[in-house]
Amino acid sequence: MIDPNIIRDGLLKALEEAKEGVTLSDLENMLDSGEALLWLGNNGCLVTVLYTEQQGRSLHVWLGTGDLEELITLEPGISAWARARGCIYSSINGRKGWTRVFGKLGFKPVGGELRKYYV
């Protein structure tokens, strides 16, 4: 399993790059309360958040760190979890190159993000 210090350092870097004003302490509180979920692999992790909008629920892949190839393998389980909770789509923001990578998993550009619709 991945070293907790590597997770912390990687997520701290992702928070800094996101420039949303969310601190590591804020993230820890969100994880503790269940507002955000941590998906662990052996060499990386993703953090997701559920949203409720007028058109329905969605899951957003908010933060990630570690080996991209492994993070991709987490996606089917995350999508299954989201569908089971009534999400109509999952979304992800990131680097432009992610369109090619996540496009293979069914994500398509919508506005400024990538989305994978379930319905």
PDB file of N, CA and C in Angstrom:
ATOM      1  N   MET A   1       0.851  -1.182   0.000  1.00  0.00           N
ATOM      2  CA  MET A   1       0.000   0.000   0.000  1.00  0.00           C
ATOM      3  C   MET A   1       0.893   1.241   0.000  1.00  0.00           C
ATOM      4  N   ILE A   2       0.356   2.285  -0.549  1.00  0.00           N
ATOM      5  CA  ILE A   2       1.102   3.537  -0.674  1.00  0.00           C
ATOM      6  C   ILE A   2       1.395   4.137   0.704  1.00  0.00           C
ATOM      7  N   ASP A   3       2.528   4.739   0.840  1.00  0.00           N
ATOM      8  CA  ASP A   3       2.957   5.392   2.069  1.00  0.00           C
ATOM      9  C   ASP A   3       2.063   6.612   2.342  1.00  0.00           C
ATOM     10  N   PRO A   4       1.485   6.716   3.547  1.00  0.00           N
ATOM     11  CA  PRO A   4       0.618   7.869   3.867  1.00  0.00           C
ATOM     12  C   PRO A   4       1.303   9.220   3.669  1.00  0.00           C
ATOM     13  N   ASN A   5       2.603   9.287   3.877  1.00  0.00           N
ATOM     14  CA  ASN A   5       3.320  10.542   3.673  1.00  0.00           C
ATOM     15  C   ASN A   5       3.347  10.933   2.202  1.00  0.00           C
ATOM     16  N   ILE A   6       3.440   9.936   1.322  1.00  0.00           N
ATOM     17  CA  ILE A   6       3.419  10.201  -0.117  1.00  0.00           C
ATOM     18  C   ILE A   6       2.038  10.715  -0.515  1.00  0.00           C
ATOM     19  N   ILE A   7       0.987  10.115   0.041  1.00  0.00           N
ATOM     20  CA  ILE A   7      -0.377  10.582  -0.228  1.00  0.00           C
ATOM     21  C   ILE A   7      -0.516  12.035   0.210  1.00  0.00           C
ATOM     22  N   ARG A   8      -0.131  12.310   1.445  1.00  0.00           N
ATOM     23  CA  ARG A   8      -0.265  13.671   1.988  1.00  0.00           C
ATOM     24  C   ARG A   8       0.486  14.670   1.129  1.00  0.00           C
ATOM     25  N   ASP A   9       1.735  14.374   0.806  1.00  0.00           N
ATOM     26  CA  ASP A   9       2.545  15.303   0.021  1.00  0.00           C
ATOM     27  C   ASP A   9       1.967  15.510  -1.378  1.00  0.00           C
ATOM     28  N   GLY A  10       1.499  14.429  -2.000  1.00  0.00           N
ATOM     29  CA  GLY A  10       0.923  14.537  -3.337  1.00  0.00           C
ATOM     30  C   GLY A  10      -0.377  15.319  -3.339  1.00  0.00           C
ATOM     31  N   LEU A  11      -1.222  15.086  -2.349  1.00  0.00           N
ATOM     32  CA  LEU A  11      -2.481  15.818  -2.273  1.00  0.00           C
ATOM     33  C   LEU A  11      -2.248  17.279  -1.923  1.00  0.00           C
ATOM     34  N   LEU A  12      -1.262  17.546  -1.098  1.00  0.00           N
ATOM     35  CA  LEU A  12      -0.913  18.938  -0.786  1.00  0.00           C
ATOM     36  C   LEU A  12      -0.495  19.671  -2.063  1.00  0.00           C
ATOM     37  N   LYS A  13       0.317  19.022  -2.880  1.00  0.00           N
ATOM     38  CA  LYS A  13       0.742  19.620  -4.148  1.00  0.00           C
ATOM     39  C   LYS A  13      -0.469  19.837  -5.063  1.00  0.00           C
ATOM     40  N   ALA A  14      -1.376  18.861  -5.122  1.00  0.00           N
ATOM     41  CA  ALA A  14      -2.576  18.993  -5.958  1.00  0.00           C
ATOM     42  C   ALA A  14      -3.456  20.143  -5.474  1.00  0.00           C
ATOM     43  N   LEU A  15      -3.588  20.299  -4.166  1.00  0.00           N
ATOM     44  CA  LEU A  15      -4.358  21.413  -3.619  1.00  0.00           C
ATOM     45  C   LEU A  15      -3.732  22.750  -4.000  1.00  0.00           C
ATOM     46  N   GLU A  16      -2.415  22.823  -3.917  1.00  0.00           N
ATOM     47  CA  GLU A  16      -1.719  24.061  -4.271  1.00  0.00           C
ATOM     48  C   GLU A  16      -1.905  24.385  -5.747  1.00  0.00           C
ATOM     49  N   GLU A  17      -1.838  23.366  -6.609  1.00  0.00           N
ATOM     50  CA  GLU A  17      -2.015  23.572  -8.044  1.00  0.00           C
ATOM     51  C   GLU A  17      -3.449  23.965  -8.385  1.00  0.00           C
ATOM     52  N   ALA A  18      -4.425  23.473  -7.616  1.00  0.00           N
ATOM     53  CA  ALA A  18      -5.829  23.792  -7.867  1.00  0.00           C
ATOM     54  C   ALA A  18      -6.133  25.263  -7.564  1.00  0.00           C
ATOM     55  N   LYS A  19      -5.374  25.859  -6.661  1.00  0.00           N
ATOM     56  CA  LYS A  19      -5.526  27.272  -6.300  1.00  0.00           C
ATOM     57  C   LYS A  19      -6.961  27.631  -5.934  1.00  0.00           C
ATOM     58  N   GLU A  20      -7.579  26.785  -5.116  1.00  0.00           N
ATOM     59  CA  GLU A  20      -8.957  27.011  -4.666  1.00  0.00           C
ATOM     60  C   GLU A  20      -9.018  27.531  -3.239  1.00  0.00           C
ATOM     61  N   GLY A  21      -7.877  27.659  -2.591  1.00  0.00           N
ATOM     62  CA  GLY A  21      -7.852  28.132  -1.214  1.00  0.00           C
ATOM     63  C   GLY A  21      -8.170  27.056  -0.189  1.00  0.00           C
ATOM     64  N   VAL A  22      -8.223  25.807  -0.614  1.00  0.00           N
ATOM     65  CA  VAL A  22      -8.496  24.693   0.302  1.00  0.00           C
ATOM     66  C   VAL A  22      -7.169  24.213   0.873  1.00  0.00           C
ATOM     67  N   THR A  23      -7.108  24.118   2.185  1.00  0.00           N
ATOM     68  CA  THR A  23      -5.880  23.681   2.850  1.00  0.00           C
ATOM     69  C   THR A  23      -5.911  22.164   3.065  1.00  0.00           C
ATOM     70  N   LEU A  24      -4.779  21.617   3.430  1.00  0.00           N
ATOM     71  CA  LEU A  24      -4.711  20.199   3.757  1.00  0.00           C
ATOM     72  C   LEU A  24      -5.623  19.890   4.941  1.00  0.00           C
ATOM     73  N   SER A  25      -5.688  20.780   5.907  1.00  0.00           N
ATOM     74  CA  SER A  25      -6.582  20.606   7.056  1.00  0.00           C
ATOM     75  C   SER A  25      -8.043  20.593   6.600  1.00  0.00           C
ATOM     76  N   ASP A  26      -8.401  21.488   5.664  1.00  0.00           N
ATOM     77  CA  ASP A  26      -9.755  21.499   5.110  1.00  0.00           C
ATOM     78  C   ASP A  26     -10.068  20.151   4.459  1.00  0.00           C
ATOM     79  N   LEU A  27      -9.121  19.656   3.667  1.00  0.00           N
ATOM     80  CA  LEU A  27      -9.304  18.377   2.989  1.00  0.00           C
ATOM     81  C   LEU A  27      -9.482  17.254   4.004  1.00  0.00           C
ATOM     82  N   GLU A  28      -8.662  17.228   5.034  1.00  0.00           N
ATOM     83  CA  GLU A  28      -8.784  16.200   6.070  1.00  0.00           C
ATOM     84  C   GLU A  28     -10.161  16.244   6.715  1.00  0.00           C
ATOM     85  N   ASN A  29     -10.670  17.455   6.982  1.00  0.00           N
ATOM     86  CA  ASN A  29     -12.003  17.590   7.567  1.00  0.00           C
ATOM     87  C   ASN A  29     -13.075  17.088   6.606  1.00  0.00           C
ATOM     88  N   MET A  30     -12.922  17.373   5.313  1.00  0.00           N
ATOM     89  CA  MET A  30     -13.880  16.905   4.311  1.00  0.00           C
ATOM     90  C   MET A  30     -13.875  15.381   4.229  1.00  0.00           C
ATOM     91  N   LEU A  31     -12.696  14.785   4.312  1.00  0.00           N
ATOM     92  CA  LEU A  31     -12.596  13.328   4.291  1.00  0.00           C
ATOM     93  C   LEU A  31     -13.191  12.721   5.563  1.00  0.00           C
ATOM     94  N   ASP A  32     -12.902  13.328   6.703  1.00  0.00           N
ATOM     95  CA  ASP A  32     -13.437  12.829   7.980  1.00  0.00           C
ATOM     96  C   ASP A  32     -14.961  12.883   8.020  1.00  0.00           C
ATOM     97  N   SER A  33     -15.535  13.933   7.432  1.00  0.00           N
ATOM     98  CA  SER A  33     -16.993  14.113   7.474  1.00  0.00           C
ATOM     99  C   SER A  33     -17.718  13.329   6.380  1.00  0.00           C
ATOM    100  N   GLY A  34     -16.971  12.797   5.425  1.00  0.00           N
ATOM    101  CA  GLY A  34     -17.589  12.087   4.315  1.00  0.00           C
ATOM    102  C   GLY A  34     -17.968  12.991   3.156  1.00  0.00           C
ATOM    103  N   GLU A  35     -17.686  14.276   3.274  1.00  0.00           N
ATOM    104  CA  GLU A  35     -17.974  15.219   2.185  1.00  0.00           C
ATOM    105  C   GLU A  35     -17.124  14.916   0.953  1.00  0.00           C
ATOM    106  N   ALA A  36     -15.928  14.392   1.179  1.00  0.00           N
ATOM    107  CA  ALA A  36     -15.029  13.955   0.108  1.00  0.00           C
ATOM    108  C   ALA A  36     -14.640  12.510   0.399  1.00  0.00           C
ATOM    109  N   LEU A  37     -14.370  11.763  -0.667  1.00  0.00           N
ATOM    110  CA  LEU A  37     -13.983  10.360  -0.525  1.00  0.00           C
ATOM    111  C   LEU A  37     -12.598  10.134  -1.112  1.00  0.00           C
ATOM    112  N   LEU A  38     -11.804   9.325  -0.434  1.00  0.00           N
ATOM    113  CA  LEU A  38     -10.451   8.991  -0.861  1.00  0.00           C
ATOM    114  C   LEU A  38     -10.461   7.585  -1.454  1.00  0.00           C
ATOM    115  N   TRP A  39      -9.979   7.472  -2.682  1.00  0.00           N
ATOM    116  CA  TRP A  39      -9.882   6.194  -3.392  1.00  0.00           C
ATOM    117  C   TRP A  39      -8.409   5.855  -3.507  1.00  0.00           C
ATOM    118  N   LEU A  40      -7.976   4.799  -2.828  1.00  0.00           N
ATOM    119  CA  LEU A  40      -6.562   4.440  -2.761  1.00  0.00           C
ATOM    120  C   LEU A  40      -6.193   3.335  -3.733  1.00  0.00           C
ATOM    121  N   GLY A  41      -5.032   3.498  -4.335  1.00  0.00           N
ATOM    122  CA  GLY A  41      -4.394   2.438  -5.093  1.00  0.00           C
ATOM    123  C   GLY A  41      -3.094   2.097  -4.393  1.00  0.00           C
ATOM    124  N   ASN A  42      -2.251   1.331  -5.030  1.00  0.00           N
ATOM    125  CA  ASN A  42      -0.945   1.012  -4.453  1.00  0.00           C
ATOM    126  C   ASN A  42       0.064   2.128  -4.661  1.00  0.00           C
ATOM    127  N   ASN A  43      -0.127   2.910  -5.737  1.00  0.00           N
ATOM    128  CA  ASN A  43       0.842   3.953  -6.086  1.00  0.00           C
ATOM    129  C   ASN A  43       0.178   5.278  -6.394  1.00  0.00           C
ATOM    130  N   GLY A  44      -0.980   5.530  -5.806  1.00  0.00           N
ATOM    131  CA  GLY A  44      -1.668   6.787  -6.043  1.00  0.00           C
ATOM    132  C   GLY A  44      -3.045   6.793  -5.418  1.00  0.00           C
ATOM    133  N   CYS A  45      -3.714   7.925  -5.534  1.00  0.00           N
ATOM    134  CA  CYS A  45      -5.056   8.053  -4.992  1.00  0.00           C
ATOM    135  C   CYS A  45      -5.814   9.159  -5.705  1.00  0.00           C
ATOM    136  N   LEU A  46      -7.142   9.077  -5.600  1.00  0.00           N
ATOM    137  CA  LEU A  46      -8.035  10.101  -6.112  1.00  0.00           C
ATOM    138  C   LEU A  46      -8.941  10.551  -4.987  1.00  0.00           C
ATOM    139  N   VAL A  47      -9.392  11.795  -5.059  1.00  0.00           N
ATOM    140  CA  VAL A  47     -10.374  12.324  -4.115  1.00  0.00           C
ATOM    141  C   VAL A  47     -11.578  12.760  -4.936  1.00  0.00           C
ATOM    142  N   THR A  48     -12.762  12.296  -4.533  1.00  0.00           N
ATOM    143  CA  THR A  48     -13.988  12.643  -5.235  1.00  0.00           C
ATOM    144  C   THR A  48     -14.956  13.365  -4.309  1.00  0.00           C
ATOM    145  N   VAL A  49     -15.882  14.095  -4.939  1.00  0.00           N
ATOM    146  CA  VAL A  49     -16.919  14.823  -4.217  1.00  0.00           C
ATOM    147  C   VAL A  49     -18.235  14.616  -4.954  1.00  0.00           C
ATOM    148  N   LEU A  50     -19.315  14.353  -4.214  1.00  0.00           N
ATOM    149  CA  LEU A  50     -20.651  14.246  -4.794  1.00  0.00           C
ATOM    150  C   LEU A  50     -21.304  15.618  -4.818  1.00  0.00           C
ATOM    151  N   TYR A  51     -22.002  15.909  -5.911  1.00  0.00           N
ATOM    152  CA  TYR A  51     -22.750  17.158  -6.030  1.00  0.00           C
ATOM    153  C   TYR A  51     -24.190  16.841  -6.373  1.00  0.00           C
ATOM    154  N   THR A  52     -25.097  17.656  -5.881  1.00  0.00           N
ATOM    155  CA  THR A  52     -26.498  17.571  -6.268  1.00  0.00           C
ATOM    156  C   THR A  52     -26.839  18.859  -6.988  1.00  0.00           C
ATOM    157  N   GLU A  53     -27.291  18.718  -8.236  1.00  0.00           N
ATOM    158  CA  GLU A  53     -27.638  19.853  -9.079  1.00  0.00           C
ATOM    159  C   GLU A  53     -29.091  19.714  -9.494  1.00  0.00           C
ATOM    160  N   GLN A  54     -29.614  20.675 -10.212  1.00  0.00           N
ATOM    161  CA  GLN A  54     -31.010  20.609 -10.657  1.00  0.00           C
ATOM    162  C   GLN A  54     -31.277  19.369 -11.486  1.00  0.00           C
ATOM    163  N   GLN A  55     -30.340  19.007 -12.363  1.00  0.00           N
ATOM    164  CA  GLN A  55     -30.548  17.853 -13.235  1.00  0.00           C
ATOM    165  C   GLN A  55     -30.262  16.524 -12.549  1.00  0.00           C
ATOM    166  N   GLY A  56     -29.698  16.532 -11.350  1.00  0.00           N
ATOM    167  CA  GLY A  56     -29.428  15.293 -10.620  1.00  0.00           C
ATOM    168  C   GLY A  56     -28.075  15.301  -9.940  1.00  0.00           C
ATOM    169  N   ARG A  57     -27.680  14.135  -9.458  1.00  0.00           N
ATOM    170  CA  ARG A  57     -26.392  13.987  -8.762  1.00  0.00           C
ATOM    171  C   ARG A  57     -25.267  13.744  -9.746  1.00  0.00           C
ATOM    172  N   SER A  58     -24.083  14.183  -9.355  1.00  0.00           N
ATOM    173  CA  SER A  58     -22.879  13.914 -10.142  1.00  0.00           C
ATOM    174  C   SER A  58     -21.713  13.688  -9.190  1.00  0.00           C
ATOM    175  N   LEU A  59     -20.715  13.037  -9.700  1.00  0.00           N
ATOM    176  CA  LEU A  59     -19.494  12.789  -8.932  1.00  0.00           C
ATOM    177  C   LEU A  59     -18.360  13.502  -9.639  1.00  0.00           C
ATOM    178  N   HIS A  60     -17.600  14.285  -8.888  1.00  0.00           N
ATOM    179  CA  HIS A  60     -16.464  15.000  -9.468  1.00  0.00           C
ATOM    180  C   HIS A  60     -15.157  14.443  -8.918  1.00  0.00           C
ATOM    181  N   VAL A  61     -14.261  14.062  -9.815  1.00  0.00           N
ATOM    182  CA  VAL A  61     -12.912  13.663  -9.415  1.00  0.00           C
ATOM    183  C   VAL A  61     -12.154  14.970  -9.213  1.00  0.00           C
ATOM    184  N   TRP A  62     -11.914  15.298  -7.963  1.00  0.00           N
ATOM    185  CA  TRP A  62     -11.414  16.606  -7.589  1.00  0.00           C
ATOM    186  C   TRP A  62      -9.885  16.661  -7.551  1.00  0.00           C
ATOM    187  N   LEU A  63      -9.265  15.685  -6.906  1.00  0.00           N
ATOM    188  CA  LEU A  63      -7.816  15.690  -6.728  1.00  0.00           C
ATOM    189  C   LEU A  63      -7.257  14.310  -7.043  1.00  0.00           C
ATOM    190  N   GLY A  64      -6.019  14.284  -7.451  1.00  0.00           N
ATOM    191  CA  GLY A  64      -5.352  13.017  -7.684  1.00  0.00           C
ATOM    192  C   GLY A  64      -3.857  13.161  -7.564  1.00  0.00           C
ATOM    193  N   THR A  65      -3.225  12.061  -7.213  1.00  0.00           N
ATOM    194  CA  THR A  65      -1.771  12.048  -7.134  1.00  0.00           C
ATOM    195  C   THR A  65      -1.288  10.618  -7.335  1.00  0.00           C
ATOM    196  N   GLY A  66      -0.117  10.504  -7.918  1.00  0.00           N
ATOM    197  CA  GLY A  66       0.476   9.187  -8.090  1.00  0.00           C
ATOM    198  C   GLY A  66       0.535   8.754  -9.539  1.00  0.00           C
ATOM    199  N   ASP A  67       0.651   7.449  -9.726  1.00  0.00           N
ATOM    200  CA  ASP A  67       0.829   6.837 -11.031  1.00  0.00           C
ATOM    201  C   ASP A  67      -0.461   6.921 -11.853  1.00  0.00           C
ATOM    202  N   LEU A  68      -0.429   7.638 -12.977  1.00  0.00           N
ATOM    203  CA  LEU A  68      -1.611   7.846 -13.808  1.00  0.00           C
ATOM    204  C   LEU A  68      -2.207   6.529 -14.295  1.00  0.00           C
ATOM    205  N   GLU A  69      -1.370   5.603 -14.707  1.00  0.00           N
ATOM    206  CA  GLU A  69      -1.891   4.316 -15.193  1.00  0.00           C
ATOM    207  C   GLU A  69      -2.698   3.605 -14.111  1.00  0.00           C
ATOM    208  N   GLU A  70      -2.230   3.682 -12.882  1.00  0.00           N
ATOM    209  CA  GLU A  70      -2.978   3.060 -11.799  1.00  0.00           C
ATOM    210  C   GLU A  70      -4.254   3.837 -11.497  1.00  0.00           C
ATOM    211  N   LEU A  71      -4.191   5.157 -11.539  1.00  0.00           N
ATOM    212  CA  LEU A  71      -5.380   5.956 -11.274  1.00  0.00           C
ATOM    213  C   LEU A  71      -6.480   5.619 -12.269  1.00  0.00           C
ATOM    214  N   ILE A  72      -6.106   5.354 -13.504  1.00  0.00           N
ATOM    215  CA  ILE A  72      -7.074   4.980 -14.531  1.00  0.00           C
ATOM    216  C   ILE A  72      -7.781   3.682 -14.144  1.00  0.00           C
ATOM    217  N   THR A  73      -7.053   2.766 -13.519  1.00  0.00           N
ATOM    218  CA  THR A  73      -7.672   1.490 -13.135  1.00  0.00           C
ATOM    219  C   THR A  73      -8.690   1.662 -12.006  1.00  0.00           C
ATOM    220  N   LEU A  74      -8.641   2.769 -11.284  1.00  0.00           N
ATOM    221  CA  LEU A  74      -9.609   3.031 -10.223  1.00  0.00           C
ATOM    222  C   LEU A  74     -10.957   3.485 -10.781  1.00  0.00           C
ATOM    223  N   GLU A  75     -10.951   3.995 -12.016  1.00  0.00           N
ATOM    224  CA  GLU A  75     -12.148   4.620 -12.589  1.00  0.00           C
ATOM    225  C   GLU A  75     -13.358   3.696 -12.673  1.00  0.00           C
ATOM    226  N   PRO A  76     -13.257   2.453 -13.131  1.00  0.00           N
ATOM    227  CA  PRO A  76     -14.469   1.619 -13.209  1.00  0.00           C
ATOM    228  C   PRO A  76     -15.164   1.434 -11.858  1.00  0.00           C
ATOM    229  N   GLY A  77     -14.406   1.250 -10.813  1.00  0.00           N
ATOM    230  CA  GLY A  77     -14.998   1.109  -9.478  1.00  0.00           C
ATOM    231  C   GLY A  77     -15.646   2.398  -9.006  1.00  0.00           C
ATOM    232  N   ILE A  78     -14.999   3.511  -9.292  1.00  0.00           N
ATOM    233  CA  ILE A  78     -15.556   4.810  -8.912  1.00  0.00           C
ATOM    234  C   ILE A  78     -16.850   5.057  -9.682  1.00  0.00           C
ATOM    235  N   SER A  79     -16.846   4.751 -10.979  1.00  0.00           N
ATOM    236  CA  SER A  79     -18.063   4.941 -11.785  1.00  0.00           C
ATOM    237  C   SER A  79     -19.194   4.045 -11.300  1.00  0.00           C
ATOM    238  N   ALA A  80     -18.880   2.810 -10.957  1.00  0.00           N
ATOM    239  CA  ALA A  80     -19.909   1.897 -10.445  1.00  0.00           C
ATOM    240  C   ALA A  80     -20.492   2.435  -9.135  1.00  0.00           C
ATOM    241  N   TRP A  81     -19.639   2.943  -8.277  1.00  0.00           N
ATOM    242  CA  TRP A  81     -20.077   3.517  -7.008  1.00  0.00           C
ATOM    243  C   TRP A  81     -20.982   4.717  -7.267  1.00  0.00           C
ATOM    244  N   ALA A  82     -20.587   5.574  -8.205  1.00  0.00           N
ATOM    245  CA  ALA A  82     -21.367   6.775  -8.520  1.00  0.00           C
ATOM    246  C   ALA A  82     -22.739   6.402  -9.092  1.00  0.00           C
ATOM    247  N   ARG A  83     -22.764   5.451 -10.026  1.00  0.00           N
ATOM    248  CA  ARG A  83     -24.038   5.016 -10.616  1.00  0.00           C
ATOM    249  C   ARG A  83     -24.961   4.440  -9.546  1.00  0.00           C
ATOM    250  N   ALA A  84     -24.402   3.681  -8.623  1.00  0.00           N
ATOM    251  CA  ALA A  84     -25.204   3.080  -7.552  1.00  0.00           C
ATOM    252  C   ALA A  84     -25.810   4.134  -6.629  1.00  0.00           C
ATOM    253  N   ARG A  85     -25.255   5.321  -6.629  1.00  0.00           N
ATOM    254  CA  ARG A  85     -25.771   6.413  -5.807  1.00  0.00           C
ATOM    255  C   ARG A  85     -26.586   7.409  -6.620  1.00  0.00           C
ATOM    256  N   GLY A  86     -26.959   7.001  -7.828  1.00  0.00           N
ATOM    257  CA  GLY A  86     -27.853   7.819  -8.641  1.00  0.00           C
ATOM    258  C   GLY A  86     -27.200   8.936  -9.423  1.00  0.00           C
ATOM    259  N   CYS A  87     -25.888   8.901  -9.558  1.00  0.00           N
ATOM    260  CA  CYS A  87     -25.224   9.947 -10.336  1.00  0.00           C
ATOM    261  C   CYS A  87     -25.528   9.778 -11.815  1.00  0.00           C
ATOM    262  N   ILE A  88     -25.739  10.903 -12.490  1.00  0.00           N
ATOM    263  CA  ILE A  88     -25.999  10.862 -13.921  1.00  0.00           C
ATOM    264  C   ILE A  88     -24.713  11.007 -14.730  1.00  0.00           C
ATOM    265  N   TYR A  89     -23.662  11.525 -14.091  1.00  0.00           N
ATOM    266  CA  TYR A  89     -22.362  11.601 -14.744  1.00  0.00           C
ATOM    267  C   TYR A  89     -21.250  11.774 -13.716  1.00  0.00           C
ATOM    268  N   SER A  90     -20.034  11.519 -14.165  1.00  0.00           N
ATOM    269  CA  SER A  90     -18.825  11.847 -13.414  1.00  0.00           C
ATOM    270  C   SER A  90     -18.066  12.880 -14.212  1.00  0.00           C
ATOM    271  N   SER A  91     -17.342  13.729 -13.520  1.00  0.00           N
ATOM    272  CA  SER A  91     -16.548  14.759 -14.189  1.00  0.00           C
ATOM    273  C   SER A  91     -15.146  14.788 -13.622  1.00  0.00           C
ATOM    274  N   ILE A  92     -14.256  15.351 -14.421  1.00  0.00           N
ATOM    275  CA  ILE A  92     -12.863  15.501 -14.013  1.00  0.00           C
ATOM    276  C   ILE A  92     -12.287  16.724 -14.722  1.00  0.00           C
ATOM    277  N   ASN A  93     -11.502  17.484 -14.014  1.00  0.00           N
ATOM    278  CA  ASN A  93     -10.748  18.593 -14.596  1.00  0.00           C
ATOM    279  C   ASN A  93      -9.287  18.195 -14.537  1.00  0.00           C
ATOM    280  N   GLY A  94      -8.517  18.721 -15.428  1.00  0.00           N
ATOM    281  CA  GLY A  94      -7.099  18.409 -15.383  1.00  0.00           C
ATOM    282  C   GLY A  94      -6.381  18.915 -16.601  1.00  0.00           C
ATOM    283  N   ARG A  95      -5.252  18.344 -16.806  1.00  0.00           N
ATOM    284  CA  ARG A  95      -4.411  18.746 -17.919  1.00  0.00           C
ATOM    285  C   ARG A  95      -5.074  18.403 -19.251  1.00  0.00           C
ATOM    286  N   LYS A  96      -4.714  19.147 -20.284  1.00  0.00           N
ATOM    287  CA  LYS A  96      -5.300  18.930 -21.610  1.00  0.00           C
ATOM    288  C   LYS A  96      -5.057  17.517 -22.119  1.00  0.00           C
ATOM    289  N   GLY A  97      -3.924  16.927 -21.787  1.00  0.00           N
ATOM    290  CA  GLY A  97      -3.610  15.571 -22.221  1.00  0.00           C
ATOM    291  C   GLY A  97      -4.540  14.517 -21.643  1.00  0.00           C
ATOM    292  N   TRP A  98      -5.269  14.867 -20.588  1.00  0.00           N
ATOM    293  CA  TRP A  98      -6.182  13.920 -19.971  1.00  0.00           C
ATOM    294  C   TRP A  98      -7.353  13.597 -20.892  1.00  0.00           C
ATOM    295  N   THR A  99      -7.674  14.489 -21.841  1.00  0.00           N
ATOM    296  CA  THR A  99      -8.756  14.216 -22.790  1.00  0.00           C
ATOM    297  C   THR A  99      -8.461  12.925 -23.542  1.00  0.00           C
ATOM    298  N   ARG A 100      -7.250  12.759 -23.981  1.00  0.00           N
ATOM    299  CA  ARG A 100      -6.849  11.549 -24.705  1.00  0.00           C
ATOM    300  C   ARG A 100      -6.909  10.335 -23.780  1.00  0.00           C
ATOM    301  N   VAL A 101      -6.378  10.469 -22.591  1.00  0.00           N
ATOM    302  CA  VAL A 101      -6.313   9.345 -21.652  1.00  0.00           C
ATOM    303  C   VAL A 101      -7.711   8.942 -21.180  1.00  0.00           C
ATOM    304  N   PHE A 102      -8.482   9.892 -20.681  1.00  0.00           N
ATOM    305  CA  PHE A 102      -9.788   9.572 -20.127  1.00  0.00           C
ATOM    306  C   PHE A 102     -10.854   9.417 -21.200  1.00  0.00           C
ATOM    307  N   GLY A 103     -10.595   9.898 -22.409  1.00  0.00           N
ATOM    308  CA  GLY A 103     -11.498   9.659 -23.529  1.00  0.00           C
ATOM    309  C   GLY A 103     -11.665   8.173 -23.796  1.00  0.00           C
ATOM    310  N   LYS A 104     -10.616   7.399 -23.577  1.00  0.00           N
ATOM    311  CA  LYS A 104     -10.677   5.945 -23.766  1.00  0.00           C
ATOM    312  C   LYS A 104     -11.633   5.287 -22.768  1.00  0.00           C
ATOM    313  N   LEU A 105     -11.960   6.005 -21.690  1.00  0.00           N
ATOM    314  CA  LEU A 105     -12.857   5.481 -20.657  1.00  0.00           C
ATOM    315  C   LEU A 105     -14.269   6.038 -20.789  1.00  0.00           C
ATOM    316  N   GLY A 106     -14.518   6.780 -21.869  1.00  0.00           N
ATOM    317  CA  GLY A 106     -15.855   7.307 -22.098  1.00  0.00           C
ATOM    318  C   GLY A 106     -16.067   8.750 -21.707  1.00  0.00           C
ATOM    319  N   PHE A 107     -15.037   9.443 -21.259  1.00  0.00           N
ATOM    320  CA  PHE A 107     -15.155  10.854 -20.902  1.00  0.00           C
ATOM    321  C   PHE A 107     -15.059  11.708 -22.157  1.00  0.00           C
ATOM    322  N   LYS A 108     -15.910  12.746 -22.218  1.00  0.00           N
ATOM    323  CA  LYS A 108     -15.917  13.655 -23.357  1.00  0.00           C
ATOM    324  C   LYS A 108     -15.868  15.095 -22.847  1.00  0.00           C
ATOM    325  N   PRO A 109     -15.229  15.997 -23.607  1.00  0.00           N
ATOM    326  CA  PRO A 109     -15.175  17.404 -23.187  1.00  0.00           C
ATOM    327  C   PRO A 109     -16.572  18.031 -23.152  1.00  0.00           C
ATOM    328  N   VAL A 110     -16.886  18.669 -22.051  1.00  0.00           N
ATOM    329  CA  VAL A 110     -18.120  19.430 -21.883  1.00  0.00           C
ATOM    330  C   VAL A 110     -17.746  20.692 -21.123  1.00  0.00           C
ATOM    331  N   GLY A 111     -17.863  21.831 -21.778  1.00  0.00           N
ATOM    332  CA  GLY A 111     -17.430  23.065 -21.126  1.00  0.00           C
ATOM    333  C   GLY A 111     -15.943  22.971 -20.842  1.00  0.00           C
ATOM    334  N   GLY A 112     -15.545  23.250 -19.626  1.00  0.00           N
ATOM    335  CA  GLY A 112     -14.136  23.206 -19.263  1.00  0.00           C
ATOM    336  C   GLY A 112     -13.707  21.940 -18.552  1.00  0.00           C
ATOM    337  N   GLU A 113     -14.513  20.876 -18.656  1.00  0.00           N
ATOM    338  CA  GLU A 113     -14.172  19.644 -17.963  1.00  0.00           C
ATOM    339  C   GLU A 113     -14.453  18.438 -18.857  1.00  0.00           C
ATOM    340  N   LEU A 114     -14.096  17.274 -18.352  1.00  0.00           N
ATOM    341  CA  LEU A 114     -14.424  16.018 -19.034  1.00  0.00           C
ATOM    342  C   LEU A 114     -15.561  15.366 -18.260  1.00  0.00           C
ATOM    343  N   ARG A 115     -16.531  14.817 -19.010  1.00  0.00           N
ATOM    344  CA  ARG A 115     -17.669  14.153 -18.352  1.00  0.00           C
ATOM    345  C   ARG A 115     -17.904  12.779 -18.973  1.00  0.00           C
ATOM    346  N   LYS A 116     -18.331  11.881 -18.101  1.00  0.00           N
ATOM    347  CA  LYS A 116     -18.770  10.554 -18.514  1.00  0.00           C
ATOM    348  C   LYS A 116     -20.203  10.403 -18.025  1.00  0.00           C
ATOM    349  N   TYR A 117     -21.141  10.350 -18.991  1.00  0.00           N
ATOM    350  CA  TYR A 117     -22.555  10.236 -18.654  1.00  0.00           C
ATOM    351  C   TYR A 117     -22.932   8.773 -18.457  1.00  0.00           C
ATOM    352  N   TYR A 118     -23.832   8.531 -17.496  1.00  0.00           N
ATOM    353  CA  TYR A 118     -24.290   7.188 -17.183  1.00  0.00           C
ATOM    354  C   TYR A 118     -25.690   6.920 -17.713  1.00  0.00           C
ATOM    355  N   VAL A 119     -26.437   7.943 -18.069  1.00  0.00           N
ATOM    356  CA  VAL A 119     -27.807   7.754 -18.559  1.00  0.00           C
ATOM    357  C   VAL A 119     -27.941   8.239 -19.980  1.00  0.00           C
TER     358      VAL A 119
END
